[in-house]
C-alpha atoms as a PDB file:
ATOM      1  CA  UNK A   1      14.239 -14.149 -22.379  1.00  0.00           C
ATOM      2  CA  UNK A   2      11.295 -13.864 -20.325  1.00  0.00           C
ATOM      3  CA  UNK A   3      13.128 -13.266 -17.185  1.00  0.00           C
ATOM      4  CA  UNK A   4      15.340 -10.783 -18.753  1.00  0.00           C
ATOM      5  CA  UNK A   5      12.339  -8.722 -20.100  1.00  0.00           C
ATOM      6  CA  UNK A   6      10.704  -8.889 -16.624  1.00  0.00           C
ATOM      7  CA  UNK A   7      13.818  -7.448 -14.830  1.00  0.00           C
ATOM      8  CA  UNK A   8      13.854  -4.676 -17.334  1.00  0.00           C
ATOM      9  CA  UNK A   9      10.128  -4.109 -16.848  1.00  0.00           C
ATOM     10  CA  UNK A  10      10.725  -3.911 -13.159  1.00  0.00           C
ATOM     11  CA  UNK A  11      13.306  -1.543 -13.306  1.00  0.00           C
ATOM     12  CA  UNK A  12      11.047   0.575 -15.742  1.00  0.00           C
ATOM     13  CA  UNK A  13       8.264   0.555 -13.094  1.00  0.00           C
ATOM     14  CA  UNK A  14      10.304   2.204 -10.456  1.00  0.00           C
ATOM     15  CA  UNK A  15       8.986   5.605  -9.248  1.00  0.00           C
ATOM     16  CA  UNK A  16      12.587   6.716  -8.839  1.00  0.00           C
ATOM     17  CA  UNK A  17      15.792   4.795  -9.257  1.00  0.00           C
ATOM     18  CA  UNK A  18      17.706   6.924  -6.704  1.00  0.00           C
ATOM     19  CA  UNK A  19      17.079   5.686  -3.301  1.00  0.00           C
ATOM     20  CA  UNK A  20      17.931   7.004   0.188  1.00  0.00           C
ATOM     21  CA  UNK A  21      20.307   5.027   2.525  1.00  0.00           C
ATOM     22  CA  UNK A  22      19.551   4.383   5.987  1.00  0.00           C
ATOM     23  CA  UNK A  23      22.052   4.279   8.916  1.00  0.00           C
ATOM     24  CA  UNK A  24      25.024   1.820   9.292  1.00  0.00           C
ATOM     25  CA  UNK A  25      26.464   1.578  12.697  1.00  0.00           C
ATOM     26  CA  UNK A  26      30.069   0.283  12.127  1.00  0.00           C
ATOM     27  CA  UNK A  27      33.584   1.896  12.440  1.00  0.00           C
ATOM     28  CA  UNK A  28      37.007   1.309  12.014  1.00  0.00           C
ATOM     29  CA  UNK A  29      39.871   2.633  14.191  1.00  0.00           C
ATOM     30  CA  UNK A  30      42.049   3.556  11.275  1.00  0.00           C
ATOM     31  CA  UNK A  31      44.927   5.148  12.938  1.00  0.00           C
ATOM     32  CA  UNK A  32      43.368   6.361  16.125  1.00  0.00           C
ATOM     33  CA  UNK A  33      45.638   4.598  18.319  1.00  0.00           C
ATOM     34  CA  UNK A  34      48.825   6.224  16.796  1.00  0.00           C
ATOM     35  CA  UNK A  35      47.575   9.644  17.677  1.00  0.00           C
ATOM     36  CA  UNK A  36      47.434  11.940  20.477  1.00  0.00           C
ATOM     37  CA  UNK A  37      43.640  11.201  21.016  1.00  0.00           C
ATOM     38  CA  UNK A  38      43.716   7.323  21.280  1.00  0.00           C
ATOM     39  CA  UNK A  39      40.883   5.062  20.842  1.00  0.00           C
ATOM     40  CA  UNK A  40      37.692   5.087  23.123  1.00  0.00           C
ATOM     41  CA  UNK A  41      34.829   3.048  22.094  1.00  0.00           C
ATOM     42  CA  UNK A  42      32.358   5.001  24.006  1.00  0.00           C
ATOM     43  CA  UNK A  43      33.399   8.490  22.833  1.00  0.00           C
ATOM     44  CA  UNK A  44      33.402   7.232  19.269  1.00  0.00           C
ATOM     45  CA  UNK A  45      30.186   5.740  19.560  1.00  0.00           C
ATOM     46  CA  UNK A  46      28.434   8.777  21.138  1.00  0.00           C
ATOM     47  CA  UNK A  47      30.116  10.928  18.097  1.00  0.00           C
ATOM     48  CA  UNK A  48      28.661   8.505  15.447  1.00  0.00           C
ATOM     49  CA  UNK A  49      25.170   8.438  17.032  1.00  0.00           C
ATOM     50  CA  UNK A  50      24.866  12.256  17.766  1.00  0.00           C
ATOM     51  CA  UNK A  51      21.604  13.444  16.741  1.00  0.00           C
ATOM     52  CA  UNK A  52      23.157  15.672  14.190  1.00  0.00           C
ATOM     53  CA  UNK A  53      24.760  12.787  12.380  1.00  0.00           C
ATOM     54  CA  UNK A  54      23.833  11.838   8.712  1.00  0.00           C
ATOM     55  CA  UNK A  55      24.752   8.634   7.058  1.00  0.00           C
ATOM     56  CA  UNK A  56      25.258   7.854   3.322  1.00  0.00           C
ATOM     57  CA  UNK A  57      25.508   3.955   2.888  1.00  0.00           C
ATOM     58  CA  UNK A  58      26.516   1.573   0.174  1.00  0.00           C
ATOM     59  CA  UNK A  59      24.440  -1.614   0.342  1.00  0.00           C
ATOM     60  CA  UNK A  60      25.657  -4.847  -1.577  1.00  0.00           C
ATOM     61  CA  UNK A  61      22.744  -6.859  -2.985  1.00  0.00           C
ATOM     62  CA  UNK A  62      20.423  -4.176  -1.254  1.00  0.00           C
ATOM     63  CA  UNK A  63      20.766  -6.044   1.873  1.00  0.00           C
ATOM     64  CA  UNK A  64      24.660  -6.005   3.283  1.00  0.00           C
ATOM     65  CA  UNK A  65      26.207  -2.907   4.140  1.00  0.00           C
ATOM     66  CA  UNK A  66      29.782  -2.462   2.561  1.00  0.00           C
ATOM     67  CA  UNK A  67      30.514   1.166   2.947  1.00  0.00           C
ATOM     68  CA  UNK A  68      29.571   4.414   4.637  1.00  0.00           C
ATOM     69  CA  UNK A  69      30.158   8.032   5.169  1.00  0.00           C
ATOM     70  CA  UNK A  70      29.118   9.984   8.406  1.00  0.00           C
ATOM     71  CA  UNK A  71      28.794  13.544   8.093  1.00  0.00           C
ATOM     72  CA  UNK A  72      27.161  16.479   9.510  1.00  0.00           C
ATOM     73  CA  UNK A  73      26.062  20.048   8.216  1.00  0.00           C
ATOM     74  CA  UNK A  74      27.775  22.370  10.609  1.00  0.00           C
ATOM     75  CA  UNK A  75      29.459  25.863  11.127  1.00  0.00           C
ATOM     76  CA  UNK A  76      33.072  26.133  11.301  1.00  0.00           C
ATOM     77  CA  UNK A  77      34.820  29.525  11.760  1.00  0.00           C
ATOM     78  CA  UNK A  78      31.632  31.208  10.652  1.00  0.00           C
ATOM     79  CA  UNK A  79      31.188  29.096   7.589  1.00  0.00           C
ATOM     80  CA  UNK A  80      28.515  26.857   6.673  1.00  0.00           C
ATOM     81  CA  UNK A  81      30.132  23.391   5.902  1.00  0.00           C
ATOM     82  CA  UNK A  82      29.538  19.715   5.372  1.00  0.00           C
ATOM     83  CA  UNK A  83      31.894  17.963   7.696  1.00  0.00           C
ATOM     84  CA  UNK A  84      32.950  14.565   6.685  1.00  0.00           C
ATOM     85  CA  UNK A  85      33.465  12.690   9.969  1.00  0.00           C
ATOM     86  CA  UNK A  86      34.074   9.195   8.475  1.00  0.00           C
ATOM     87  CA  UNK A  87      34.299   7.383   5.135  1.00  0.00           C
ATOM     88  CA  UNK A  88      34.789   3.514   5.949  1.00  0.00           C
ATOM     89  CA  UNK A  89      34.836   0.514   3.599  1.00  0.00           C
ATOM     90  CA  UNK A  90      34.975  -3.145   3.598  1.00  0.00           C
ATOM     91  CA  UNK A  91      38.024  -4.467   2.504  1.00  0.00           C
ATOM     92  CA  UNK A  92      36.433  -6.272  -0.376  1.00  0.00           C
ATOM     93  CA  UNK A  93      35.138  -2.998  -1.857  1.00  0.00           C
ATOM     94  CA  UNK A  94      38.234  -0.942  -1.472  1.00  0.00           C
ATOM     95  CA  UNK A  95      40.088   0.342  -4.417  1.00  0.00           C
ATOM     96  CA  UNK A  96      37.057   0.041  -6.726  1.00  0.00           C
ATOM     97  CA  UNK A  97      36.269   3.841  -6.802  1.00  0.00           C
ATOM     98  CA  UNK A  98      33.660   3.384  -4.256  1.00  0.00           C
ATOM     99  CA  UNK A  99      35.187   5.771  -1.930  1.00  0.00           C
ATOM    100  CA  UNK A 100      35.794   8.266  -4.145  1.00  0.00           C
ATOM    101  CA  UNK A 101      32.230   8.094  -5.307  1.00  0.00           C
ATOM    102  CA  UNK A 102      30.823   8.597  -1.803  1.00  0.00           C
ATOM    103  CA  UNK A 103      33.131  11.757  -1.308  1.00  0.00           C
ATOM    104  CA  UNK A 104      31.658  13.003  -4.757  1.00  0.00           C
ATOM    105  CA  UNK A 105      28.188  12.611  -3.590  1.00  0.00           C
ATOM    106  CA  UNK A 106      28.945  14.528  -0.363  1.00  0.00           C
ATOM    107  CA  UNK A 107      30.440  17.377  -2.531  1.00  0.00           C
ATOM    108  CA  UNK A 108      27.167  17.204  -4.635  1.00  0.00           C
ATOM    109  CA  UNK A 109      25.169  17.548  -1.237  1.00  0.00           C
ATOM    110  CA  UNK A 110      27.179  20.352  -0.024  1.00  0.00           C
ATOM    111  CA  UNK A 111      26.520  22.139  -3.336  1.00  0.00           C
ATOM    112  CA  UNK A 112      22.758  21.574  -3.313  1.00  0.00           C
ATOM    113  CA  UNK A 113      22.549  22.696   0.191  1.00  0.00           C
ATOM    114  CA  UNK A 114      24.739  25.929  -0.604  1.00  0.00           C
ATOM    115  CA  UNK A 115      27.522  24.780   2.078  1.00  0.00           C
ATOM    116  CA  UNK A 116      30.749  26.847   1.517  1.00  0.00           C
ATOM    117  CA  UNK A 117      32.956  23.588   1.609  1.00  0.00           C
ATOM    118  CA  UNK A 118      33.328  20.007   2.566  1.00  0.00           C
ATOM    119  CA  UNK A 119      35.726  19.480   5.480  1.00  0.00           C
ATOM    120  CA  UNK A 120      37.317  16.539   7.006  1.00  0.00           C
ATOM    121  CA  UNK A 121      40.350  15.512   9.337  1.00  0.00           C
ATOM    122  CA  UNK A 122      42.925  13.016   8.205  1.00  0.00           C
ATOM    123  CA  UNK A 123      45.702  11.634  10.160  1.00  0.00           C
ATOM    124  CA  UNK A 124      49.240  12.414   8.757  1.00  0.00           C
ATOM    125  CA  UNK A 125      50.362   9.017   9.241  1.00  0.00           C
ATOM    126  CA  UNK A 126      47.427   7.590   7.267  1.00  0.00           C
ATOM    127  CA  UNK A 127      49.476   8.076   4.208  1.00  0.00           C
ATOM    128  CA  UNK A 128      46.897   6.490   1.880  1.00  0.00           C
ATOM    129  CA  UNK A 129      43.940   8.455   2.946  1.00  0.00           C
ATOM    130  CA  UNK A 130      45.990  11.320   3.020  1.00  0.00           C
ATOM    131  CA  UNK A 131      47.321  10.987  -0.386  1.00  0.00           C
ATOM    132  CA  UNK A 132      43.714  10.096  -1.580  1.00  0.00           C
ATOM    133  CA  UNK A 133      42.113  13.360  -0.290  1.00  0.00           C
ATOM    134  CA  UNK A 134      44.937  15.536  -1.577  1.00  0.00           C
ATOM    135  CA  UNK A 135      45.596  14.078  -5.005  1.00  0.00           C
ATOM    136  CA  UNK A 136      42.660  12.223  -6.221  1.00  0.00           C
ATOM    137  CA  UNK A 137      39.965  14.290  -4.825  1.00  0.00           C
ATOM    138  CA  UNK A 138      41.918  17.647  -4.656  1.00  0.00           C
ATOM    139  CA  UNK A 139      41.408  18.466  -1.155  1.00  0.00           C
ATOM    140  CA  UNK A 140      43.514  21.428   0.243  1.00  0.00           C
ATOM    141  CA  UNK A 141      44.931  22.164   3.786  1.00  0.00           C
ATOM    142  CA  UNK A 142      42.399  24.335   5.456  1.00  0.00           C
ATOM    143  CA  UNK A 143      43.214  27.571   7.152  1.00  0.00           C
ATOM    144  CA  UNK A 144      42.049  26.147  10.310  1.00  0.00           C
ATOM    145  CA  UNK A 145      44.404  23.171  10.161  1.00  0.00           C
ATOM    146  CA  UNK A 146      47.150  23.257  13.103  1.00  0.00           C
ATOM    147  CA  UNK A 147      49.870  23.331  10.636  1.00  0.00           C
ATOM    148  CA  UNK A 148      48.481  26.551   8.958  1.00  0.00           C
ATOM    149  CA  UNK A 149      46.950  28.242  11.998  1.00  0.00           C
ATOM    150  CA  UNK A 150      50.336  28.030  14.195  1.00  0.00           C
ATOM    151  CA  UNK A 151      48.339  26.004  17.081  1.00  0.00           C
ATOM    152  CA  UNK A 152      50.582  23.062  17.629  1.00  0.00           C
ATOM    153  CA  UNK A 153      51.749  22.594  14.153  1.00  0.00           C
ATOM    154  CA  UNK A 154      54.099  19.591  13.593  1.00  0.00           C
ATOM    155  CA  UNK A 155      53.217  18.411  16.932  1.00  0.00           C
ATOM    156  CA  UNK A 156      49.771  17.581  15.764  1.00  0.00           C
ATOM    157  CA  UNK A 157      49.261  14.008  14.108  1.00  0.00           C
ATOM    158  CA  UNK A 158      46.467  15.460  11.748  1.00  0.00           C
ATOM    159  CA  UNK A 159      45.432  17.785   9.210  1.00  0.00           C
ATOM    160  CA  UNK A 160      42.228  19.459   8.473  1.00  0.00           C
ATOM    161  CA  UNK A 161      41.597  19.305   4.730  1.00  0.00           C
ATOM    162  CA  UNK A 162      38.710  21.103   2.777  1.00  0.00           C
ATOM    163  CA  UNK A 163      37.479  21.469  -0.690  1.00  0.00           C
ATOM    164  CA  UNK A 164      35.147  24.437  -1.750  1.00  0.00           C
ATOM    165  CA  UNK A 165      31.958  24.081  -3.474  1.00  0.00           C
ATOM    166  CA  UNK A 166      31.721  25.351  -6.870  1.00  0.00           C
ATOM    167  CA  UNK A 167      28.345  23.975  -8.301  1.00  0.00           C
ATOM    168  CA  UNK A 168      25.111  24.424  -6.427  1.00  0.00           C
ATOM    169  CA  UNK A 169      23.343  21.567  -8.166  1.00  0.00           C
ATOM    170  CA  UNK A 170      20.836  19.250  -7.239  1.00  0.00           C
ATOM    171  CA  UNK A 171      19.832  15.955  -9.299  1.00  0.00           C
ATOM    172  CA  UNK A 172      16.576  14.260  -9.985  1.00  0.00           C
ATOM    173  CA  UNK A 173      15.585  11.203 -11.944  1.00  0.00           C
ATOM    174  CA  UNK A 174      12.289  11.209 -14.018  1.00  0.00           C
ATOM    175  CA  UNK A 175      10.602   9.561 -16.841  1.00  0.00           C
ATOM    176  CA  UNK A 176      10.244  12.045 -19.955  1.00  0.00           C
ATOM    177  CA  UNK A 177       6.565  11.888 -19.266  1.00  0.00           C
ATOM    178  CA  UNK A 178       7.379  13.563 -15.899  1.00  0.00           C
ATOM    179  CA  UNK A 179       9.139  16.522 -17.280  1.00  0.00           C
ATOM    180  CA  UNK A 180       7.785  20.090 -18.168  1.00  0.00           C
ATOM    181  CA  UNK A 181       7.611  20.701 -21.720  1.00  0.00           C
ATOM    182  CA  UNK A 182      10.139  23.449 -21.192  1.00  0.00           C
ATOM    183  CA  UNK A 183      12.608  21.023 -19.622  1.00  0.00           C
ATOM    184  CA  UNK A 184      12.087  18.669 -22.852  1.00  0.00           C
ATOM    185  CA  UNK A 185      12.849  21.673 -25.105  1.00  0.00           C
ATOM    186  CA  UNK A 186      15.929  22.724 -23.296  1.00  0.00           C
ATOM    187  CA  UNK A 187      17.275  19.111 -23.211  1.00  0.00           C
ATOM    188  CA  UNK A 188      16.804  18.918 -26.963  1.00  0.00           C
ATOM    189  CA  UNK A 189      18.210  22.354 -27.598  1.00  0.00           C
ATOM    190  CA  UNK A 190      21.217  21.469 -25.599  1.00  0.00           C
ATOM    191  CA  UNK A 191      21.688  18.247 -27.497  1.00  0.00           C
ATOM    192  CA  UNK A 192      21.262  19.898 -30.916  1.00  0.00           C
ATOM    193  CA  UNK A 193      24.068  22.807 -29.856  1.00  0.00           C
ATOM    194  CA  UNK A 194      26.376  20.279 -28.490  1.00  0.00           C
ATOM    195  CA  UNK A 195      26.013  17.415 -31.008  1.00  0.00           C
ATOM    196  CA  UNK A 196      24.577  18.439 -34.366  1.00  0.00           C
ATOM    197  CA  UNK A 197      28.214  19.004 -35.920  1.00  0.00           C
ATOM    198  CA  UNK A 198      29.239  15.650 -34.806  1.00  0.00           C
ATOM    199  CA  UNK A 199      26.145  13.989 -36.390  1.00  0.00           C
ATOM    200  CA  UNK A 200      26.801  15.925 -39.471  1.00  0.00           C
ATOM    201  CA  UNK A 201      30.315  14.464 -39.896  1.00  0.00           C
ATOM    202  CA  UNK A 202      28.910  11.039 -39.658  1.00  0.00           C
ATOM    203  CA  UNK A 203      26.918   8.769 -42.116  1.00  0.00           C
ATOM    204  CA  UNK A 204      23.638   9.721 -40.294  1.00  0.00           C
ATOM    205  CA  UNK A 205      23.489  13.474 -40.436  1.00  0.00           C
ATOM    206  CA  UNK A 206      21.260  15.364 -38.100  1.00  0.00           C
ATOM    207  CA  UNK A 207      17.419  15.472 -38.277  1.00  0.00           C
ATOM    208  CA  UNK A 208      15.404  17.499 -35.741  1.00  0.00           C
ATOM    209  CA  UNK A 209      12.450  15.470 -35.964  1.00  0.00           C
ATOM    210  CA  UNK A 210      14.062  11.923 -35.474  1.00  0.00           C
ATOM    211  CA  UNK A 211      16.278  13.253 -32.550  1.00  0.00           C
ATOM    212  CA  UNK A 212      13.209  14.785 -30.901  1.00  0.00           C
ATOM    213  CA  UNK A 213      11.101  11.607 -31.192  1.00  0.00           C
ATOM    214  CA  UNK A 214      13.932   9.732 -29.620  1.00  0.00           C
ATOM    215  CA  UNK A 215      14.207  11.903 -26.995  1.00  0.00           C
ATOM    216  CA  UNK A 216      10.515  11.859 -26.142  1.00  0.00           C
ATOM    217  CA  UNK A 217       9.875   7.993 -26.613  1.00  0.00           C
ATOM    218  CA  UNK A 218       7.729   6.470 -23.798  1.00  0.00           C
ATOM    219  CA  UNK A 219      10.819   4.601 -22.643  1.00  0.00           C
ATOM    220  CA  UNK A 220      13.088   7.332 -22.171  1.00  0.00           C
ATOM    221  CA  UNK A 221      14.406   8.176 -18.501  1.00  0.00           C
ATOM    222  CA  UNK A 222      16.149  11.655 -17.668  1.00  0.00           C
ATOM    223  CA  UNK A 223      18.728  12.225 -14.992  1.00  0.00           C
ATOM    224  CA  UNK A 224      18.708  16.082 -14.584  1.00  0.00           C
ATOM    225  CA  UNK A 225      21.244  18.433 -12.852  1.00  0.00           C
ATOM    226  CA  UNK A 226      19.640  21.787 -11.479  1.00  0.00           C
ATOM    227  CA  UNK A 227      21.593  24.638 -10.496  1.00  0.00           C
ATOM    228  CA  UNK A 228      20.031  26.593  -7.641  1.00  0.00           C
ATOM    229  CA  UNK A 229      17.114  23.955  -7.859  1.00  0.00           C
ATOM    230  CA  UNK A 230      15.705  25.801 -10.804  1.00  0.00           C
ATOM    231  CA  UNK A 231      17.975  26.081 -13.710  1.00  0.00           C
ATOM    232  CA  UNK A 232      18.718  22.740 -15.766  1.00  0.00           C
ATOM    233  CA  UNK A 233      22.513  22.646 -16.629  1.00  0.00           C
ATOM    234  CA  UNK A 234      23.078  18.858 -17.458  1.00  0.00           C
ATOM    235  CA  UNK A 235      21.221  15.709 -18.147  1.00  0.00           C
ATOM    236  CA  UNK A 236      21.472  11.844 -19.005  1.00  0.00           C
ATOM    237  CA  UNK A 237      19.012  10.343 -21.225  1.00  0.00           C
ATOM    238  CA  UNK A 238      18.569   6.782 -20.683  1.00  0.00           C
ATOM    239  CA  UNK A 239      16.640   3.544 -20.748  1.00  0.00           C
ATOM    240  CA  UNK A 240      16.412   0.326 -19.376  1.00  0.00           C
ATOM    241  CA  UNK A 241      16.407  -2.127 -22.414  1.00  0.00           C
ATOM    242  CA  UNK A 242      17.505  -5.453 -23.898  1.00  0.00           C
ATOM    243  CA  UNK A 243      20.496  -5.913 -26.069  1.00  0.00           C
ATOM    244  CA  UNK A 244      21.442  -9.318 -27.864  1.00  0.00           C
ATOM    245  CA  UNK A 245      19.527 -11.041 -24.864  1.00  0.00           C
ATOM    246  CA  UNK A 246      21.236  -9.065 -22.132  1.00  0.00           C
ATOM    247  CA  UNK A 247      19.297  -6.421 -19.769  1.00  0.00           C
ATOM    248  CA  UNK A 248      21.140  -3.184 -19.984  1.00  0.00           C
ATOM    249  CA  UNK A 249      20.936   0.232 -19.076  1.00  0.00           C
ATOM    250  CA  UNK A 250      21.614   2.269 -22.341  1.00  0.00           C
ATOM    251  CA  UNK A 251      22.778   5.771 -22.043  1.00  0.00           C
ATOM    252  CA  UNK A 252      21.604   7.938 -25.033  1.00  0.00           C
ATOM    253  CA  UNK A 253      22.863  11.320 -24.058  1.00  0.00           C
ATOM    254  CA  UNK A 254      25.042  13.005 -21.629  1.00  0.00           C
ATOM    255  CA  UNK A 255      24.938  16.664 -22.261  1.00  0.00           C
ATOM    256  CA  UNK A 256      26.159  19.627 -20.272  1.00  0.00           C
ATOM    257  CA  UNK A 257      26.132  23.425 -20.565  1.00  0.00           C
ATOM    258  CA  UNK A 258      29.580  24.710 -21.183  1.00  0.00           C
ATOM    259  CA  UNK A 259      29.705  26.476 -17.833  1.00  0.00           C
ATOM    260  CA  UNK A 260      29.551  23.303 -15.961  1.00  0.00           C
ATOM    261  CA  UNK A 261      31.912  21.322 -18.079  1.00  0.00           C
ATOM    262  CA  UNK A 262      35.193  19.750 -16.537  1.00  0.00           C
ATOM    263  CA  UNK A 263      34.114  20.103 -13.155  1.00  0.00           C
ATOM    264  CA  UNK A 264      33.454  16.492 -12.563  1.00  0.00           C
ATOM    265  CA  UNK A 265      29.462  16.626 -13.439  1.00  0.00           C
ATOM    266  CA  UNK A 266      29.612  14.460 -16.337  1.00  0.00           C
ATOM    267  CA  UNK A 267      31.708  11.732 -14.541  1.00  0.00           C
ATOM    268  CA  UNK A 268      29.122  11.937 -11.651  1.00  0.00           C
ATOM    269  CA  UNK A 269      26.182  11.409 -13.717  1.00  0.00           C
ATOM    270  CA  UNK A 270      27.844   8.362 -15.522  1.00  0.00           C
ATOM    271  CA  UNK A 271      28.526   6.940 -11.982  1.00  0.00           C
ATOM    272  CA  UNK A 272      24.981   7.228 -10.914  1.00  0.00           C
ATOM    273  CA  UNK A 273      23.986   5.502 -13.981  1.00  0.00           C
ATOM    274  CA  UNK A 274      26.545   2.835 -13.142  1.00  0.00           C
ATOM    275  CA  UNK A 275      24.967   2.404  -9.639  1.00  0.00           C
ATOM    276  CA  UNK A 276      21.406   2.273 -10.988  1.00  0.00           C
ATOM    277  CA  UNK A 277      22.544  -0.184 -13.364  1.00  0.00           C
ATOM    278  CA  UNK A 278      23.883  -2.436 -10.585  1.00  0.00           C
ATOM    279  CA  UNK A 279      20.754  -1.769  -8.199  1.00  0.00           C
ATOM    280  CA  UNK A 280      18.340  -2.909 -10.805  1.00  0.00           C
ATOM    281  CA  UNK A 281      20.456  -6.012 -11.949  1.00  0.00           C
ATOM    282  CA  UNK A 282      21.188  -4.991 -15.421  1.00  0.00           C
ATOM    283  CA  UNK A 283      24.273  -6.827 -16.947  1.00  0.00           C
ATOM    284  CA  UNK A 284      26.121  -3.552 -18.160  1.00  0.00           C
ATOM    285  CA  UNK A 285      25.906   0.125 -19.028  1.00  0.00           C
ATOM    286  CA  UNK A 286      25.968   0.812 -22.670  1.00  0.00           C
ATOM    287  CA  UNK A 287      26.434   3.871 -24.792  1.00  0.00           C
ATOM    288  CA  UNK A 288      27.418   5.117 -28.400  1.00  0.00           C
ATOM    289  CA  UNK A 289      30.213   7.434 -29.077  1.00  0.00           C
ATOM    290  CA  UNK A 290      31.470   8.970 -32.365  1.00  0.00           C
ATOM    291  CA  UNK A 291      35.122   8.063 -33.096  1.00  0.00           C
ATOM    292  CA  UNK A 292      35.585  11.763 -34.014  1.00  0.00           C
ATOM    293  CA  UNK A 293      34.202  13.099 -30.954  1.00  0.00           C
ATOM    294  CA  UNK A 294      37.981  12.602 -29.381  1.00  0.00           C
ATOM    295  CA  UNK A 295      37.090  14.256 -25.968  1.00  0.00           C
ATOM    296  CA  UNK A 296      34.008  12.215 -25.464  1.00  0.00           C
ATOM    297  CA  UNK A 297      35.704   8.983 -26.561  1.00  0.00           C
ATOM    298  CA  UNK A 298      38.923   9.392 -24.224  1.00  0.00           C
ATOM    299  CA  UNK A 299      36.414  10.306 -21.439  1.00  0.00           C
ATOM    300  CA  UNK A 300      34.738   7.222 -21.441  1.00  0.00           C
ATOM    301  CA  UNK A 301      37.604   4.782 -22.377  1.00  0.00           C
ATOM    302  CA  UNK A 302      40.271   6.326 -19.868  1.00  0.00           C
ATOM    303  CA  UNK A 303      38.362   8.169 -17.125  1.00  0.00           C
ATOM    304  CA  UNK A 304      35.390   5.823 -16.963  1.00  0.00           C
ATOM    305  CA  UNK A 305      37.213   2.691 -18.124  1.00  0.00           C
ATOM    306  CA  UNK A 306      34.348   1.513 -20.548  1.00  0.00           C
ATOM    307  CA  UNK A 307      35.318  -0.896 -23.221  1.00  0.00           C
ATOM    308  CA  UNK A 308      34.714  -1.454 -26.561  1.00  0.00           C
ATOM    309  CA  UNK A 309      31.562  -3.694 -26.905  1.00  0.00           C
ATOM    310  CA  UNK A 310      31.461  -6.887 -29.005  1.00  0.00           C
ATOM    311  CA  UNK A 311      28.390  -5.603 -30.608  1.00  0.00           C
ATOM    312  CA  UNK A 312      30.571  -2.597 -31.941  1.00  0.00           C
ATOM    313  CA  UNK A 313      31.220  -2.430 -35.660  1.00  0.00           C
ATOM    314  CA  UNK A 314      34.827  -2.567 -35.132  1.00  0.00           C
ATOM    315  CA  UNK A 315      34.425  -5.968 -33.219  1.00  0.00           C
ATOM    316  CA  UNK A 316      31.423  -7.384 -35.071  1.00  0.00           C
ATOM    317  CA  UNK A 317      32.863  -7.162 -38.582  1.00  0.00           C
ATOM    318  CA  UNK A 318      29.854  -5.153 -39.722  1.00  0.00           C
ATOM    319  CA  UNK A 319      31.195  -1.955 -41.484  1.00  0.00           C
ATOM    320  CA  UNK A 320      34.285  -1.788 -39.453  1.00  0.00           C
ATOM    321  CA  UNK A 321      36.458   1.091 -40.248  1.00  0.00           C
ATOM    322  CA  UNK A 322      33.675   2.671 -42.697  1.00  0.00           C
ATOM    323  CA  UNK A 323      31.601   3.255 -39.474  1.00  0.00           C
ATOM    324  CA  UNK A 324      32.106   6.648 -37.566  1.00  0.00           C
ATOM    325  CA  UNK A 325      31.074   5.284 -34.190  1.00  0.00           C
ATOM    326  CA  UNK A 326      31.886   2.777 -31.490  1.00  0.00           C
ATOM    327  CA  UNK A 327      29.549   1.004 -28.916  1.00  0.00           C
ATOM    328  CA  UNK A 328      31.082   1.038 -25.585  1.00  0.00           C
ATOM    329  CA  UNK A 329      29.964  -0.800 -22.485  1.00  0.00           C
ATOM    330  CA  UNK A 330      30.856  -1.217 -18.961  1.00  0.00           C
ATOM    331  CA  UNK A 331      29.846  -4.509 -17.129  1.00  0.00           C
ATOM    332  CA  UNK A 332      28.037  -4.398 -13.650  1.00  0.00           C
ATOM    333  CA  UNK A 333      28.596  -7.260 -11.074  1.00  0.00           C
ATOM    334  CA  UNK A 334      25.840  -8.999 -12.907  1.00  0.00           C
ATOM    335  CA  UNK A 335      27.475  -8.950 -16.393  1.00  0.00           C
ATOM    336  CA  UNK A 336      28.783 -12.202 -17.972  1.00  0.00           C
ATOM    337  CA  UNK A 337      30.501 -12.703 -21.314  1.00  0.00           C
ATOM    338  CA  UNK A 338      29.216 -10.295 -24.214  1.00  0.00           C
ATOM    339  CA  UNK A 339      27.704 -11.769 -27.232  1.00  0.00           C
ATOM    340  CA  UNK A 340      28.797 -10.695 -30.657  1.00  0.00           C
ATOM    341  CA  UNK A 341      26.274  -8.926 -32.687  1.00  0.00           C
ATOM    342  CA  UNK A 342      25.739  -6.252 -35.173  1.00  0.00           C
ATOM    343  CA  UNK A 343      23.811  -2.886 -34.550  1.00  0.00           C
ATOM    344  CA  UNK A 344      23.029  -0.997 -31.522  1.00  0.00           C
ATOM    345  CA  UNK A 345      21.513   2.499 -30.444  1.00  0.00           C
ATOM    346  CA  UNK A 346      23.255   5.579 -31.199  1.00  0.00           C
ATOM    347  CA  UNK A 347      22.976   8.574 -29.070  1.00  0.00           C
ATOM    348  CA  UNK A 348      25.448  11.700 -28.582  1.00  0.00           C
ATOM    349  CA  UNK A 349      27.727  11.808 -25.555  1.00  0.00           C
ATOM    350  CA  UNK A 350      29.439  15.061 -24.841  1.00  0.00           C
ATOM    351  CA  UNK A 351      31.140  15.562 -21.315  1.00  0.00           C
END
């Protein structure tokens, strides 16, 4: 237990759980030799080491690079864009959502830097990548692509894809003690607006004082999305804690203003929490959701693949069907078998 508590304490002492990534010099041919361009080591290396190049890196165990994206802020046809040159993953981390997560980070950066869109080039014969960008990430064929512009057309082996930016948001992570009082008030008011009726349908009811005390507890961390760097539009309240002997990241709240819902921002915040849970060696991410909050329940179970935790009343035999909530969890790579127990936190989750 001492080791578990020490790990949680170490996570809580972090100045900011979000950390930057340095450069990773690795590449993959990925279809070049089947195109009109061919593969040339020197030219590719020069492109990847150009002074304008930025790199987003995923590190395993903080020391082994496993994925990267090479991108640049540039101008294309008069528009300011974030151009993604590469997204490459080691085979062992493919098909686990990491590639999609890197692209979502690029989209968020494009928004926060007020770029008009995210652009990239994909080979037509790279069917998996083409389908991934078109279907999973909803990129469209850009007007500058050969098939659209009338230049070369079907003779070209590639398409230029793009996705326009919608939200101009930046994200910060702070302890509650580092937030301005006005920001804390906004978070409480948003939670009350989104969740009061849900609480009143449960056995707990809604109590302003108790909820505010929970949200301003010294252990509280906040992940906040800001529009135009000055207007808060979404947040997650979370803590590093111990549950049944396991070190966990417990998500108390995910709340979004109505104008930014259903645009992937809620999912992105949870994915950041999952990334932080892994980087701090927590065993799992946990949260509590009301059974009657059908949208949120489906969101966590289906879109984010959370499972009903062994500590949930429906699993532990405590209260069972009489309880209005479930405790959900998703293991990190450090997670082990769950332990059955009763009780747990309860936060409101609204995506």
